[in-house]
């Protein structure tokens, strides 16, 4: 959750007046999980493989 007074609109520096998003460099008041990601089995397997590789490299 972000206070409305902390929202900062962003845009391309070469196009003044054009808005293309909201800055994420603001104080966060609260985080809330909207839903858990559901991955297809093959992507879940790849994610588990990546976790194994990363855990073994430390």
Protein backbone atom coordinates (compact mmCIF):
# COMPACT_ATOMS: atom_id res chain seq x y z
CA UNK A 1 0.00 0.00 0.00
CA UNK A 2 1.29 3.44 -0.95
CA UNK A 3 -0.10 6.72 0.32
CA UNK A 4 -1.67 8.76 -2.45
CA UNK A 5 0.53 11.72 -1.58
CA UNK A 6 3.61 9.55 -2.33
CA UNK A 7 2.56 8.57 -5.88
CA UNK A 8 5.00 9.95 -8.46
CA UNK A 9 4.05 9.86 -12.13
CA UNK A 10 6.88 9.08 -14.53
CA UNK A 11 7.47 9.64 -18.20
CA UNK A 12 10.15 9.66 -20.88
CA UNK A 13 12.70 12.42 -20.32
CA UNK A 14 12.67 13.31 -24.01
CA UNK A 15 8.86 13.80 -24.08
CA UNK A 16 7.77 16.32 -21.44
CA UNK A 17 4.13 15.97 -20.44
CA UNK A 18 3.89 12.30 -21.44
CA UNK A 19 3.03 9.95 -18.57
CA UNK A 20 3.93 6.29 -18.89
CA UNK A 21 3.84 4.95 -15.35
CA UNK A 22 4.21 5.40 -11.61
CA UNK A 23 7.53 5.46 -9.77
CA UNK A 24 8.16 2.54 -7.45
CA UNK A 25 10.81 4.50 -5.54
CA UNK A 26 8.37 5.53 -2.78
CA UNK A 27 7.79 4.48 0.83
CA UNK A 28 5.69 1.32 1.02
CA UNK A 29 3.27 1.29 3.94
CA UNK A 30 2.11 -2.32 3.70
CA UNK A 31 2.55 -5.30 1.39
CA UNK A 32 -0.29 -7.69 0.72
CA UNK A 33 -0.22 -10.93 -1.26
CA UNK A 34 -2.93 -10.81 -3.90
CA UNK A 35 -2.59 -14.44 -4.94
CA UNK A 36 -0.01 -17.18 -5.20
CA UNK A 37 1.37 -17.76 -8.66
CA UNK A 38 0.22 -20.93 -10.40
CA UNK A 39 2.83 -22.32 -12.75
CA UNK A 40 2.45 -25.09 -15.30
CA UNK A 41 4.32 -28.26 -14.21
CA UNK A 42 7.22 -27.73 -16.64
CA UNK A 43 7.81 -24.19 -15.38
CA UNK A 44 7.58 -25.40 -11.79
CA UNK A 45 10.28 -27.99 -12.61
CA UNK A 46 12.52 -25.30 -14.12
CA UNK A 47 12.00 -23.04 -11.11
CA UNK A 48 12.94 -25.86 -8.75
CA UNK A 49 16.04 -26.60 -10.83
CA UNK A 50 17.04 -22.93 -10.69
CA UNK A 51 16.54 -22.86 -6.91
CA UNK A 52 18.76 -25.96 -6.59
CA UNK A 53 21.50 -24.39 -8.70
CA UNK A 54 21.37 -21.09 -6.82
CA UNK A 55 21.38 -22.78 -3.40
CA UNK A 56 24.38 -24.87 -4.39
CA UNK A 57 26.42 -21.88 -5.60
CA UNK A 58 26.70 -20.12 -2.23
